[in-house]
C-alpha atoms as a PDB file:
ATOM      1  CA  MET A   1      21.577  20.178   7.367  1.00  0.00           C
ATOM      2  CA  LYS A   2      24.039  17.624   6.083  1.00  0.00           C
ATOM      3  CA  THR A   3      23.354  13.905   5.980  1.00  0.00           C
ATOM      4  CA  THR A   4      24.732  10.832   4.290  1.00  0.00           C
ATOM      5  CA  LEU A   5      22.650   8.616   2.028  1.00  0.00           C
ATOM      6  CA  ASP A   6      23.510   5.216   0.618  1.00  0.00           C
ATOM      7  CA  ILE A   7      22.119   5.165  -2.940  1.00  0.00           C
ATOM      8  CA  SER A   8      22.660   2.419  -5.487  1.00  0.00           C
ATOM      9  CA  ASP A   9      25.222   3.245  -8.165  1.00  0.00           C
ATOM     10  CA  PRO A  10      22.813   2.972 -11.142  1.00  0.00           C
ATOM     11  CA  LEU A  11      20.255   5.223  -9.439  1.00  0.00           C
ATOM     12  CA  LEU A  12      22.882   7.782  -8.528  1.00  0.00           C
ATOM     13  CA  ARG A  13      24.264   7.818 -12.092  1.00  0.00           C
ATOM     14  CA  GLU A  14      20.767   8.350 -13.485  1.00  0.00           C
ATOM     15  CA  ALA A  15      20.024  11.092 -10.954  1.00  0.00           C
ATOM     16  CA  ARG A  16      23.258  12.894 -11.779  1.00  0.00           C
ATOM     17  CA  SER A  17      22.457  12.608 -15.480  1.00  0.00           C
ATOM     18  CA  VAL A  18      18.991  14.097 -14.961  1.00  0.00           C
ATOM     19  CA  ALA A  19      20.398  16.877 -12.777  1.00  0.00           C
ATOM     20  CA  THR A  20      22.972  17.764 -15.446  1.00  0.00           C
ATOM     21  CA  ARG A  21      20.406  17.654 -18.241  1.00  0.00           C
ATOM     22  CA  GLU A  22      18.003  19.873 -16.274  1.00  0.00           C
ATOM     23  CA  ARG A  23      20.815  22.201 -15.155  1.00  0.00           C
ATOM     24  CA  THR A  24      20.143  21.690 -11.495  1.00  0.00           C
ATOM     25  CA  THR A  25      22.008  20.115  -8.617  1.00  0.00           C
ATOM     26  CA  LEU A  26      21.732  16.601  -7.284  1.00  0.00           C
ATOM     27  CA  ARG A  27      20.736  18.122  -3.958  1.00  0.00           C
ATOM     28  CA  ALA A  28      17.831  20.019  -5.547  1.00  0.00           C
ATOM     29  CA  LEU A  29      16.708  16.873  -7.371  1.00  0.00           C
ATOM     30  CA  VAL A  30      16.752  14.801  -4.171  1.00  0.00           C
ATOM     31  CA  GLU A  31      14.851  17.497  -2.259  1.00  0.00           C
ATOM     32  CA  GLN A  32      12.264  17.725  -5.038  1.00  0.00           C
ATOM     33  CA  GLY A  33      11.770  13.956  -4.942  1.00  0.00           C
ATOM     34  CA  LEU A  34      11.429  13.875  -1.165  1.00  0.00           C
ATOM     35  CA  ARG A  35       8.927  16.736  -1.221  1.00  0.00           C
ATOM     36  CA  ARG A  36       6.849  14.921  -3.845  1.00  0.00           C
ATOM     37  CA  VAL A  37       6.819  11.631  -1.912  1.00  0.00           C
ATOM     38  CA  LEU A  38       5.937  13.357   1.362  1.00  0.00           C
ATOM     39  CA  ALA A  39       3.140  15.366  -0.289  1.00  0.00           C
ATOM     40  CA  ASP A  40       1.696  12.199  -1.858  1.00  0.00           C
ATOM     41  CA  ARG A  41       1.663  10.445   1.493  1.00  0.00           C
ATOM     42  CA  LYS A  42      -0.122  13.350   3.146  1.00  0.00           C
ATOM     43  CA  ARG A  43      -2.847  13.336   0.487  1.00  0.00           C
ATOM     44  CA  LYS A  44      -3.648   9.637   0.628  1.00  0.00           C
ATOM     45  CA  PRO A  45      -5.933   8.795   3.515  1.00  0.00           C
ATOM     46  CA  LYS A  46      -4.990   5.766   5.534  1.00  0.00           C
ATOM     47  CA  PHE A  47      -6.891   2.622   4.697  1.00  0.00           C
ATOM     48  CA  ARG A  48      -9.875   2.050   6.920  1.00  0.00           C
ATOM     49  CA  LEU A  49     -11.936  -1.078   6.757  1.00  0.00           C
ATOM     50  CA  ARG A  50     -15.543  -0.047   6.436  1.00  0.00           C
ATOM     51  CA  LYS A  51     -18.043  -1.320   8.925  1.00  0.00           C
ATOM     52  CA  ALA A  52     -19.747  -4.324   7.366  1.00  0.00           C
ATOM     53  CA  THR A  53     -22.049  -5.661  10.020  1.00  0.00           C
ATOM     54  CA  PHE A  54     -25.524  -7.020   9.506  1.00  0.00           C
ATOM     55  CA  LYS A  55     -28.513  -7.073  11.764  1.00  0.00           C
ATOM     56  CA  GLY A  56     -29.543 -10.515  12.781  1.00  0.00           C
ATOM     57  CA  GLN A  57     -29.121 -13.288  15.255  1.00  0.00           C
ATOM     58  CA  GLY A  58     -25.765 -14.644  14.106  1.00  0.00           C
ATOM     59  CA  LEU A  59     -25.354 -17.809  12.084  1.00  0.00           C
ATOM     60  CA  HIS A  60     -28.296 -19.597  10.566  1.00  0.00           C
ATOM     61  CA  PRO A  61     -29.469 -22.443  12.842  1.00  0.00           C
ATOM     62  CA  ASP A  62     -28.547 -25.014  10.137  1.00  0.00           C
ATOM     63  CA  VAL A  63     -24.859 -24.082  10.334  1.00  0.00           C
ATOM     64  CA  LYS A  64     -24.516 -23.263  14.019  1.00  0.00           C
ATOM     65  CA  GLY A  65     -21.811 -25.408  15.519  1.00  0.00           C
ATOM     66  CA  LEU A  66     -20.150 -26.204  12.181  1.00  0.00           C
ATOM     67  CA  SER A  67     -16.517 -25.296  11.488  1.00  0.00           C
ATOM     68  CA  TRP A  68     -15.658 -22.663   8.891  1.00  0.00           C
ATOM     69  CA  ASP A  69     -14.394 -25.436   6.610  1.00  0.00           C
ATOM     70  CA  GLN A  70     -17.765 -27.165   6.810  1.00  0.00           C
ATOM     71  CA  ILE A  71     -19.622 -23.904   6.172  1.00  0.00           C
ATOM     72  CA  ARG A  72     -17.404 -23.202   3.154  1.00  0.00           C
ATOM     73  CA  GLU A  73     -18.073 -26.706   1.791  1.00  0.00           C
ATOM     74  CA  LEU A  74     -21.812 -26.102   2.095  1.00  0.00           C
ATOM     75  CA  SER A  75     -21.554 -22.738   0.324  1.00  0.00           C
ATOM     76  CA  TYR A  76     -19.775 -24.322  -2.650  1.00  0.00           C
ATOM     77  CA  GLU A  77     -21.910 -27.449  -2.741  1.00  0.00           C
ATOM     78  CA  GLY A  78     -23.049 -28.266  -6.270  1.00  0.00           C
ATOM     79  CA  ARG A  79     -20.710 -25.729  -7.914  1.00  0.00           C
ATOM     80  CA  GLY A  80     -18.086 -28.127  -9.192  1.00  0.00           C
END
């Protein structure tokens, strides 16, 4: 299948140079690169945030009703 790609001039020059040096075609080099990128993406699992819940009754009674800024101030109290 034919397609058109817009590739920066320096990258294209380097790719052509590599293709010539390795006695292959630019097409083969591009296909090899695409295959490698696609294979890498298949191998890497998508990021999943692990479950990080704790048993309990919510916030400590001393901080219930405080804003997050106030809770953060309390957590850093006395640390400079």
